[in-house]
Amino acid sequence: MSYLFKLQLQKESSRLSLLQDDQVIDDQSWPEARDMGQRLFAALAALLKKHDLKPEDVGEFQIESELPDTYTSSRIAETVKKVYAFGVALKQKER
């Protein structure tokens, strides 16, 4: 089974989906505000917990965005994606 996170950024809202073998199995969405980091980390944690997954069980993190790269929410989302991938890689290296 292959899992991935897909984050969709729009001007008015954001949605984080958990996919298994290219099928959406769950998602969380929230209105656009100045709290992208907090909301994104909370959504990641909630989806992992709800589906009894560890971060290393989710092999990929994709971002689709309508927002310009200069928007703070876009930059925060890219940073969270990189930190997530870095953390997963470290965990796998420990094994």
PDB file of N, CA and C in Angstrom:
ATOM      1  N   MET A   1       0.840  -1.189   0.000  1.00  0.00           N
ATOM      2  CA  MET A   1       0.000   0.000   0.000  1.00  0.00           C
ATOM      3  C   MET A   1       0.879   1.244   0.000  1.00  0.00           C
ATOM      4  N   SER A   2       0.556   2.154  -0.852  1.00  0.00           N
ATOM      5  CA  SER A   2       1.315   3.381  -0.968  1.00  0.00           C
ATOM      6  C   SER A   2       0.437   4.572  -0.556  1.00  0.00           C
ATOM      7  N   TYR A   3       0.908   5.328   0.425  1.00  0.00           N
ATOM      8  CA  TYR A   3       0.176   6.504   0.897  1.00  0.00           C
ATOM      9  C   TYR A   3       0.907   7.767   0.470  1.00  0.00           C
ATOM     10  N   LEU A   4       0.134   8.839   0.264  1.00  0.00           N
ATOM     11  CA  LEU A   4       0.733  10.142   0.021  1.00  0.00           C
ATOM     12  C   LEU A   4      -0.191  11.234   0.529  1.00  0.00           C
ATOM     13  N   PHE A   5       0.424  12.358   0.875  1.00  0.00           N
ATOM     14  CA  PHE A   5      -0.325  13.550   1.240  1.00  0.00           C
ATOM     15  C   PHE A   5      -0.359  14.461   0.022  1.00  0.00           C
ATOM     16  N   LYS A   6      -1.520  15.055  -0.218  1.00  0.00           N
ATOM     17  CA  LYS A   6      -1.641  16.059  -1.271  1.00  0.00           C
ATOM     18  C   LYS A   6      -2.270  17.306  -0.647  1.00  0.00           C
ATOM     19  N   LEU A   7      -1.549  18.409  -0.714  1.00  0.00           N
ATOM     20  CA  LEU A   7      -2.033  19.675  -0.191  1.00  0.00           C
ATOM     21  C   LEU A   7      -2.441  20.556  -1.357  1.00  0.00           C
ATOM     22  N   GLN A   8      -3.665  21.041  -1.312  1.00  0.00           N
ATOM     23  CA  GLN A   8      -4.171  21.943  -2.350  1.00  0.00           C
ATOM     24  C   GLN A   8      -4.385  23.310  -1.714  1.00  0.00           C
ATOM     25  N   LEU A   9      -3.687  24.309  -2.257  1.00  0.00           N
ATOM     26  CA  LEU A   9      -3.775  25.672  -1.756  1.00  0.00           C
ATOM     27  C   LEU A   9      -4.576  26.517  -2.736  1.00  0.00           C
ATOM     28  N   GLN A  10      -5.598  27.168  -2.208  1.00  0.00           N
ATOM     29  CA  GLN A  10      -6.393  28.094  -3.003  1.00  0.00           C
ATOM     30  C   GLN A  10      -6.471  29.416  -2.255  1.00  0.00           C
ATOM     31  N   LYS A  11      -6.946  30.434  -2.908  1.00  0.00           N
ATOM     32  CA  LYS A  11      -7.004  31.753  -2.266  1.00  0.00           C
ATOM     33  C   LYS A  11      -7.885  31.762  -1.029  1.00  0.00           C
ATOM     34  N   GLU A  12      -8.970  31.016  -1.050  1.00  0.00           N
ATOM     35  CA  GLU A  12      -9.930  31.050   0.048  1.00  0.00           C
ATOM     36  C   GLU A  12      -9.794  29.900   1.045  1.00  0.00           C
ATOM     37  N   SER A  13      -9.151  28.798   0.638  1.00  0.00           N
ATOM     38  CA  SER A  13      -9.081  27.639   1.526  1.00  0.00           C
ATOM     39  C   SER A  13      -7.913  26.729   1.155  1.00  0.00           C
ATOM     40  N   SER A  14      -7.638  25.808   2.065  1.00  0.00           N
ATOM     41  CA  SER A  14      -6.615  24.789   1.829  1.00  0.00           C
ATOM     42  C   SER A  14      -7.206  23.436   2.186  1.00  0.00           C
ATOM     43  N   ARG A  15      -6.714  22.388   1.513  1.00  0.00           N
ATOM     44  CA  ARG A  15      -7.196  21.029   1.770  1.00  0.00           C
ATOM     45  C   ARG A  15      -6.003  20.076   1.730  1.00  0.00           C
ATOM     46  N   LEU A  16      -5.889  19.287   2.801  1.00  0.00           N
ATOM     47  CA  LEU A  16      -4.879  18.240   2.857  1.00  0.00           C
ATOM     48  C   LEU A  16      -5.591  16.912   2.722  1.00  0.00           C
ATOM     49  N   SER A  17      -5.222  16.157   1.709  1.00  0.00           N
ATOM     50  CA  SER A  17      -5.830  14.844   1.459  1.00  0.00           C
ATOM     51  C   SER A  17      -4.811  13.751   1.715  1.00  0.00           C
ATOM     52  N   LEU A  18      -5.304  12.641   2.252  1.00  0.00           N
ATOM     53  CA  LEU A  18      -4.504  11.438   2.402  1.00  0.00           C
ATOM     54  C   LEU A  18      -4.972  10.470   1.333  1.00  0.00           C
ATOM     55  N   LEU A  19      -4.044  10.056   0.482  1.00  0.00           N
ATOM     56  CA  LEU A  19      -4.375   9.133  -0.598  1.00  0.00           C
ATOM     57  C   LEU A  19      -3.697   7.793  -0.361  1.00  0.00           C
ATOM     58  N   GLN A  20      -4.407   6.748  -0.738  1.00  0.00           N
ATOM     59  CA  GLN A  20      -3.859   5.401  -0.706  1.00  0.00           C
ATOM     60  C   GLN A  20      -4.024   4.831  -2.102  1.00  0.00           C
ATOM     61  N   ASP A  21      -2.910   4.476  -2.722  1.00  0.00           N
ATOM     62  CA  ASP A  21      -2.938   3.954  -4.092  1.00  0.00           C
ATOM     63  C   ASP A  21      -3.764   4.855  -5.013  1.00  0.00           C
ATOM     64  N   ASP A  22      -3.505   6.169  -4.939  1.00  0.00           N
ATOM     65  CA  ASP A  22      -4.127   7.200  -5.774  1.00  0.00           C
ATOM     66  C   ASP A  22      -5.612   7.440  -5.501  1.00  0.00           C
ATOM     67  N   GLN A  23      -6.157   6.896  -4.425  1.00  0.00           N
ATOM     68  CA  GLN A  23      -7.553   7.123  -4.037  1.00  0.00           C
ATOM     69  C   GLN A  23      -7.584   7.936  -2.742  1.00  0.00           C
ATOM     70  N   VAL A  24      -8.364   9.013  -2.730  1.00  0.00           N
ATOM     71  CA  VAL A  24      -8.494   9.818  -1.508  1.00  0.00           C
ATOM     72  C   VAL A  24      -9.249   8.997  -0.470  1.00  0.00           C
ATOM     73  N   ILE A  25      -8.608   8.803   0.674  1.00  0.00           N
ATOM     74  CA  ILE A  25      -9.283   8.061   1.742  1.00  0.00           C
ATOM     75  C   ILE A  25      -9.761   8.989   2.855  1.00  0.00           C
ATOM     76  N   ASP A  26      -9.212  10.201   2.918  1.00  0.00           N
ATOM     77  CA  ASP A  26      -9.645  11.165   3.926  1.00  0.00           C
ATOM     78  C   ASP A  26      -9.040  12.516   3.588  1.00  0.00           C
ATOM     79  N   ASP A  27      -9.631  13.565   4.134  1.00  0.00           N
ATOM     80  CA  ASP A  27      -9.047  14.890   3.956  1.00  0.00           C
ATOM     81  C   ASP A  27      -9.484  15.816   5.082  1.00  0.00           C
ATOM     82  N   GLN A  28      -8.784  16.911   5.176  1.00  0.00           N
ATOM     83  CA  GLN A  28      -9.114  17.979   6.105  1.00  0.00           C
ATOM     84  C   GLN A  28      -8.956  19.281   5.347  1.00  0.00           C
ATOM     85  N   SER A  29      -9.863  20.215   5.613  1.00  0.00           N
ATOM     86  CA  SER A  29      -9.764  21.510   4.947  1.00  0.00           C
ATOM     87  C   SER A  29      -9.984  22.617   5.967  1.00  0.00           C
ATOM     88  N   TRP A  30      -9.519  23.800   5.604  1.00  0.00           N
ATOM     89  CA  TRP A  30      -9.645  24.956   6.486  1.00  0.00           C
ATOM     90  C   TRP A  30      -9.628  26.221   5.643  1.00  0.00           C
ATOM     91  N   PRO A  31     -10.273  27.285   6.154  1.00  0.00           N
ATOM     92  CA  PRO A  31     -10.280  28.552   5.412  1.00  0.00           C
ATOM     93  C   PRO A  31      -8.905  29.206   5.461  1.00  0.00           C
ATOM     94  N   GLU A  32      -8.577  29.950   4.445  1.00  0.00           N
ATOM     95  CA  GLU A  32      -7.303  30.657   4.394  1.00  0.00           C
ATOM     96  C   GLU A  32      -7.275  31.706   5.495  1.00  0.00           C
ATOM     97  N   ALA A  33      -6.222  31.687   6.259  1.00  0.00           N
ATOM     98  CA  ALA A  33      -5.997  32.655   7.333  1.00  0.00           C
ATOM     99  C   ALA A  33      -4.488  32.744   7.534  1.00  0.00           C
ATOM    100  N   ARG A  34      -4.088  33.427   8.541  1.00  0.00           N
ATOM    101  CA  ARG A  34      -2.653  33.589   8.786  1.00  0.00           C
ATOM    102  C   ARG A  34      -2.129  32.539   9.761  1.00  0.00           C
ATOM    103  N   ASP A  35      -2.571  31.306   9.584  1.00  0.00           N
ATOM    104  CA  ASP A  35      -2.162  30.230  10.486  1.00  0.00           C
ATOM    105  C   ASP A  35      -1.869  28.939   9.733  1.00  0.00           C
ATOM    106  N   MET A  36      -1.290  29.044   8.551  1.00  0.00           N
ATOM    107  CA  MET A  36      -1.047  27.874   7.706  1.00  0.00           C
ATOM    108  C   MET A  36      -0.212  26.820   8.424  1.00  0.00           C
ATOM    109  N   GLY A  37       0.871  27.218   9.052  1.00  0.00           N
ATOM    110  CA  GLY A  37       1.731  26.251   9.717  1.00  0.00           C
ATOM    111  C   GLY A  37       0.990  25.471  10.782  1.00  0.00           C
ATOM    112  N   GLN A  38       0.288  26.175  11.629  1.00  0.00           N
ATOM    113  CA  GLN A  38      -0.465  25.531  12.713  1.00  0.00           C
ATOM    114  C   GLN A  38      -1.526  24.596  12.155  1.00  0.00           C
ATOM    115  N   ARG A  39      -2.296  25.049  11.196  1.00  0.00           N
ATOM    116  CA  ARG A  39      -3.369  24.232  10.610  1.00  0.00           C
ATOM    117  C   ARG A  39      -2.827  23.024   9.860  1.00  0.00           C
ATOM    118  N   LEU A  40      -1.739  23.218   9.125  1.00  0.00           N
ATOM    119  CA  LEU A  40      -1.178  22.123   8.338  1.00  0.00           C
ATOM    120  C   LEU A  40      -0.606  21.037   9.247  1.00  0.00           C
ATOM    121  N   PHE A  41       0.155  21.432  10.272  1.00  0.00           N
ATOM    122  CA  PHE A  41       0.689  20.434  11.203  1.00  0.00           C
ATOM    123  C   PHE A  41      -0.429  19.698  11.934  1.00  0.00           C
ATOM    124  N   ALA A  42      -1.484  20.425  12.317  1.00  0.00           N
ATOM    125  CA  ALA A  42      -2.620  19.781  12.996  1.00  0.00           C
ATOM    126  C   ALA A  42      -3.315  18.786  12.065  1.00  0.00           C
ATOM    127  N   ALA A  43      -3.478  19.149  10.795  1.00  0.00           N
ATOM    128  CA  ALA A  43      -4.130  18.254   9.830  1.00  0.00           C
ATOM    129  C   ALA A  43      -3.276  17.012   9.571  1.00  0.00           C
ATOM    130  N   LEU A  44      -1.973  17.190   9.442  1.00  0.00           N
ATOM    131  CA  LEU A  44      -1.073  16.050   9.254  1.00  0.00           C
ATOM    132  C   LEU A  44      -1.199  15.082  10.432  1.00  0.00           C
ATOM    133  N   ALA A  45      -1.110  15.617  11.634  1.00  0.00           N
ATOM    134  CA  ALA A  45      -1.181  14.782  12.840  1.00  0.00           C
ATOM    135  C   ALA A  45      -2.526  14.075  12.946  1.00  0.00           C
ATOM    136  N   ALA A  46      -3.609  14.791  12.653  1.00  0.00           N
ATOM    137  CA  ALA A  46      -4.947  14.206  12.759  1.00  0.00           C
ATOM    138  C   ALA A  46      -5.152  13.066  11.768  1.00  0.00           C
ATOM    139  N   LEU A  47      -4.718  13.258  10.529  1.00  0.00           N
ATOM    140  CA  LEU A  47      -4.885  12.201   9.518  1.00  0.00           C
ATOM    141  C   LEU A  47      -4.027  10.977   9.835  1.00  0.00           C
ATOM    142  N   LEU A  48      -2.811  11.205  10.289  1.00  0.00           N
ATOM    143  CA  LEU A  48      -1.956  10.078  10.661  1.00  0.00           C
ATOM    144  C   LEU A  48      -2.573   9.290  11.817  1.00  0.00           C
ATOM    145  N   LYS A  49      -3.017  10.011  12.826  1.00  0.00           N
ATOM    146  CA  LYS A  49      -3.593   9.349  14.002  1.00  0.00           C
ATOM    147  C   LYS A  49      -4.872   8.601  13.653  1.00  0.00           C
ATOM    148  N   LYS A  50      -5.759   9.239  12.909  1.00  0.00           N
ATOM    149  CA  LYS A  50      -7.046   8.637  12.563  1.00  0.00           C
ATOM    150  C   LYS A  50      -6.870   7.323  11.801  1.00  0.00           C
ATOM    151  N   HIS A  51      -5.848   7.246  10.970  1.00  0.00           N
ATOM    152  CA  HIS A  51      -5.647   6.061  10.132  1.00  0.00           C
ATOM    153  C   HIS A  51      -4.519   5.163  10.660  1.00  0.00           C
ATOM    154  N   ASP A  52      -4.110   5.449  11.898  1.00  0.00           N
ATOM    155  CA  ASP A  52      -3.101   4.635  12.583  1.00  0.00           C
ATOM    156  C   ASP A  52      -1.845   4.473  11.725  1.00  0.00           C
ATOM    157  N   LEU A  53      -1.353   5.592  11.204  1.00  0.00           N
ATOM    158  CA  LEU A  53      -0.150   5.596  10.366  1.00  0.00           C
ATOM    159  C   LEU A  53       0.982   6.320  11.070  1.00  0.00           C
ATOM    160  N   LYS A  54       2.201   5.953  10.728  1.00  0.00           N
ATOM    161  CA  LYS A  54       3.389   6.671  11.171  1.00  0.00           C
ATOM    162  C   LYS A  54       3.803   7.586  10.021  1.00  0.00           C
ATOM    163  N   PRO A  55       4.515   8.665  10.307  1.00  0.00           N
ATOM    164  CA  PRO A  55       4.942   9.550   9.218  1.00  0.00           C
ATOM    165  C   PRO A  55       5.684   8.815   8.104  1.00  0.00           C
ATOM    166  N   GLU A  56       6.499   7.816   8.457  1.00  0.00           N
ATOM    167  CA  GLU A  56       7.249   7.109   7.417  1.00  0.00           C
ATOM    168  C   GLU A  56       6.375   6.200   6.563  1.00  0.00           C
ATOM    169  N   ASP A  57       5.109   5.987   6.963  1.00  0.00           N
ATOM    170  CA  ASP A  57       4.174   5.210   6.145  1.00  0.00           C
ATOM    171  C   ASP A  57       3.689   6.004   4.923  1.00  0.00           C
ATOM    172  N   VAL A  58       3.829   7.320   4.995  1.00  0.00           N
ATOM    173  CA  VAL A  58       3.376   8.194   3.899  1.00  0.00           C
ATOM    174  C   VAL A  58       4.615   8.590   3.090  1.00  0.00           C
ATOM    175  N   GLY A  59       4.747   8.006   1.919  1.00  0.00           N
ATOM    176  CA  GLY A  59       5.963   8.132   1.137  1.00  0.00           C
ATOM    177  C   GLY A  59       6.153   9.407   0.356  1.00  0.00           C
ATOM    178  N   GLU A  60       5.099  10.173   0.178  1.00  0.00           N
ATOM    179  CA  GLU A  60       5.215  11.358  -0.674  1.00  0.00           C
ATOM    180  C   GLU A  60       4.317  12.467  -0.152  1.00  0.00           C
ATOM    181  N   PHE A  61       4.715  13.703  -0.433  1.00  0.00           N
ATOM    182  CA  PHE A  61       3.958  14.883  -0.023  1.00  0.00           C
ATOM    183  C   PHE A  61       3.939  15.817  -1.228  1.00  0.00           C
ATOM    184  N   GLN A  62       2.782  16.008  -1.826  1.00  0.00           N
ATOM    185  CA  GLN A  62       2.653  16.864  -3.010  1.00  0.00           C
ATOM    186  C   GLN A  62       1.908  18.146  -2.649  1.00  0.00           C
ATOM    187  N   ILE A  63       2.250  19.210  -3.352  1.00  0.00           N
ATOM    188  CA  ILE A  63       1.549  20.486  -3.173  1.00  0.00           C
ATOM    189  C   ILE A  63       1.067  20.956  -4.537  1.00  0.00           C
ATOM    190  N   GLU A  64      -0.225  21.278  -4.601  1.00  0.00           N
ATOM    191  CA  GLU A  64      -0.809  21.920  -5.781  1.00  0.00           C
ATOM    192  C   GLU A  64      -1.302  23.289  -5.313  1.00  0.00           C
ATOM    193  N   SER A  65      -0.916  24.331  -6.008  1.00  0.00           N
ATOM    194  CA  SER A  65      -1.234  25.666  -5.519  1.00  0.00           C
ATOM    195  C   SER A  65      -1.691  26.601  -6.626  1.00  0.00           C
ATOM    196  N   GLU A  66      -2.712  27.363  -6.301  1.00  0.00           N
ATOM    197  CA  GLU A  66      -3.149  28.462  -7.163  1.00  0.00           C
ATOM    198  C   GLU A  66      -2.464  29.761  -6.748  1.00  0.00           C
ATOM    199  N   LEU A  67      -1.780  29.727  -5.617  1.00  0.00           N
ATOM    200  CA  LEU A  67      -1.178  30.929  -5.044  1.00  0.00           C
ATOM    201  C   LEU A  67       0.204  31.183  -5.625  1.00  0.00           C
ATOM    202  N   PRO A  68       0.574  32.442  -5.739  1.00  0.00           N
ATOM    203  CA  PRO A  68       1.943  32.756  -6.169  1.00  0.00           C
ATOM    204  C   PRO A  68       2.951  32.245  -5.137  1.00  0.00           C
ATOM    205  N   ASP A  69       4.152  31.936  -5.588  1.00  0.00           N
ATOM    206  CA  ASP A  69       5.197  31.438  -4.689  1.00  0.00           C
ATOM    207  C   ASP A  69       5.568  32.444  -3.602  1.00  0.00           C
ATOM    208  N   THR A  70       5.259  33.699  -3.827  1.00  0.00           N
ATOM    209  CA  THR A  70       5.616  34.727  -2.858  1.00  0.00           C
ATOM    210  C   THR A  70       4.639  34.821  -1.683  1.00  0.00           C
ATOM    211  N   TYR A  71       3.490  34.176  -1.766  1.00  0.00           N
ATOM    212  CA  TYR A  71       2.529  34.195  -0.659  1.00  0.00           C
ATOM    213  C   TYR A  71       3.112  33.432   0.526  1.00  0.00           C
ATOM    214  N   THR A  72       2.894  33.964   1.705  1.00  0.00           N
ATOM    215  CA  THR A  72       3.407  33.333   2.922  1.00  0.00           C
ATOM    216  C   THR A  72       2.888  31.910   3.066  1.00  0.00           C
ATOM    217  N   SER A  73       1.623  31.662   2.780  1.00  0.00           N
ATOM    218  CA  SER A  73       1.067  30.313   2.906  1.00  0.00           C
ATOM    219  C   SER A  73       1.786  29.331   1.992  1.00  0.00           C
ATOM    220  N   SER A  74       2.154  29.754   0.802  1.00  0.00           N
ATOM    221  CA  SER A  74       2.899  28.888  -0.122  1.00  0.00           C
ATOM    222  C   SER A  74       4.270  28.569   0.428  1.00  0.00           C
ATOM    223  N   ARG A  75       4.941  29.574   0.957  1.00  0.00           N
ATOM    224  CA  ARG A  75       6.282  29.360   1.505  1.00  0.00           C
ATOM    225  C   ARG A  75       6.238  28.462   2.732  1.00  0.00           C
ATOM    226  N   ILE A  76       5.242  28.664   3.580  1.00  0.00           N
ATOM    227  CA  ILE A  76       5.101  27.817   4.768  1.00  0.00           C
ATOM    228  C   ILE A  76       4.817  26.371   4.350  1.00  0.00           C
ATOM    229  N   ALA A  77       3.926  26.183   3.393  1.00  0.00           N
ATOM    230  CA  ALA A  77       3.593  24.831   2.927  1.00  0.00           C
ATOM    231  C   ALA A  77       4.830  24.131   2.373  1.00  0.00           C
ATOM    232  N   GLU A  78       5.636  24.807   1.587  1.00  0.00           N
ATOM    233  CA  GLU A  78       6.859  24.216   1.040  1.00  0.00           C
ATOM    234  C   GLU A  78       7.842  23.868   2.155  1.00  0.00           C
ATOM    235  N   THR A  79       7.929  24.712   3.166  1.00  0.00           N
ATOM    236  CA  THR A  79       8.823  24.444   4.288  1.00  0.00           C
ATOM    237  C   THR A  79       8.354  23.223   5.068  1.00  0.00           C
ATOM    238  N   VAL A  80       7.054  23.131   5.334  1.00  0.00           N
ATOM    239  CA  VAL A  80       6.511  21.971   6.047  1.00  0.00           C
ATOM    240  C   VAL A  80       6.767  20.703   5.245  1.00  0.00           C
ATOM    241  N   LYS A  81       6.578  20.763   3.946  1.00  0.00           N
ATOM    242  CA  LYS A  81       6.842  19.594   3.082  1.00  0.00           C
ATOM    243  C   LYS A  81       8.296  19.150   3.213  1.00  0.00           C
ATOM    244  N   LYS A  82       9.232  20.091   3.178  1.00  0.00           N
ATOM    245  CA  LYS A  82      10.652  19.760   3.276  1.00  0.00           C
ATOM    246  C   LYS A  82      11.001  19.199   4.647  1.00  0.00           C
ATOM    247  N   VAL A  83      10.450  19.789   5.699  1.00  0.00           N
ATOM    248  CA  VAL A  83      10.707  19.313   7.060  1.00  0.00           C
ATOM    249  C   VAL A  83      10.135  17.908   7.238  1.00  0.00           C
ATOM    250  N   TYR A  84       8.944  17.680   6.708  1.00  0.00           N
ATOM    251  CA  TYR A  84       8.320  16.360   6.791  1.00  0.00           C
ATOM    252  C   TYR A  84       9.209  15.318   6.098  1.00  0.00           C
ATOM    253  N   ALA A  85       9.636  15.617   4.881  1.00  0.00           N
ATOM    254  CA  ALA A  85      10.483  14.691   4.121  1.00  0.00           C
ATOM    255  C   ALA A  85      11.810  14.460   4.848  1.00  0.00           C
ATOM    256  N   PHE A  86      12.386  15.494   5.426  1.00  0.00           N
ATOM    257  CA  PHE A  86      13.644  15.373   6.158  1.00  0.00           C
ATOM    258  C   PHE A  86      13.463  14.474   7.378  1.00  0.00           C
ATOM    259  N   GLY A  87      12.387  14.680   8.127  1.00  0.00           N
ATOM    260  CA  GLY A  87      12.106  13.869   9.304  1.00  0.00           C
ATOM    261  C   GLY A  87      11.895  12.403   8.956  1.00  0.00           C
ATOM    262  N   VAL A  88      11.152  12.150   7.902  1.00  0.00           N
ATOM    263  CA  VAL A  88      10.909  10.775   7.457  1.00  0.00           C
ATOM    264  C   VAL A  88      12.217  10.123   7.016  1.00  0.00           C
ATOM    265  N   ALA A  89      13.048  10.864   6.291  1.00  0.00           N
ATOM    266  CA  ALA A  89      14.327  10.308   5.830  1.00  0.00           C
ATOM    267  C   ALA A  89      15.230   9.978   7.016  1.00  0.00           C
ATOM    268  N   LEU A  90      15.256  10.834   8.028  1.00  0.00           N
ATOM    269  CA  LEU A  90      16.062  10.555   9.216  1.00  0.00           C
ATOM    270  C   LEU A  90      15.570   9.303   9.930  1.00  0.00           C
ATOM    271  N   LYS A  91      14.267   9.189  10.056  1.00  0.00           N
ATOM    272  CA  LYS A  91      13.675   8.029  10.731  1.00  0.00           C
ATOM    273  C   LYS A  91      14.025   6.728   9.988  1.00  0.00           C
ATOM    274  N   GLN A  92      13.951   6.776   8.675  1.00  0.00           N
ATOM    275  CA  GLN A  92      14.272   5.594   7.883  1.00  0.00           C
ATOM    276  C   GLN A  92      15.759   5.257   7.956  1.00  0.00           C
ATOM    277  N   LYS A  93      16.586   6.274   8.094  1.00  0.00           N
ATOM    278  CA  LYS A  93      18.033   6.067   8.178  1.00  0.00           C
ATOM    279  C   LYS A  93      18.400   5.400   9.505  1.00  0.00           C
ATOM    280  N   GLU A  94      17.611   5.671  10.545  1.00  0.00           N
ATOM    281  CA  GLU A  94      17.852   5.096  11.870  1.00  0.00           C
ATOM    282  C   GLU A  94      17.605   3.584  11.877  1.00  0.00           C
ATOM    283  N   ARG A  95      16.823   3.094  10.977  1.00  0.00           N
ATOM    284  CA  ARG A  95      16.475   1.671  10.954  1.00  0.00           C
ATOM    285  C   ARG A  95      17.606   0.828  10.538  1.00  0.00           C
TER     286      ARG A  95
END
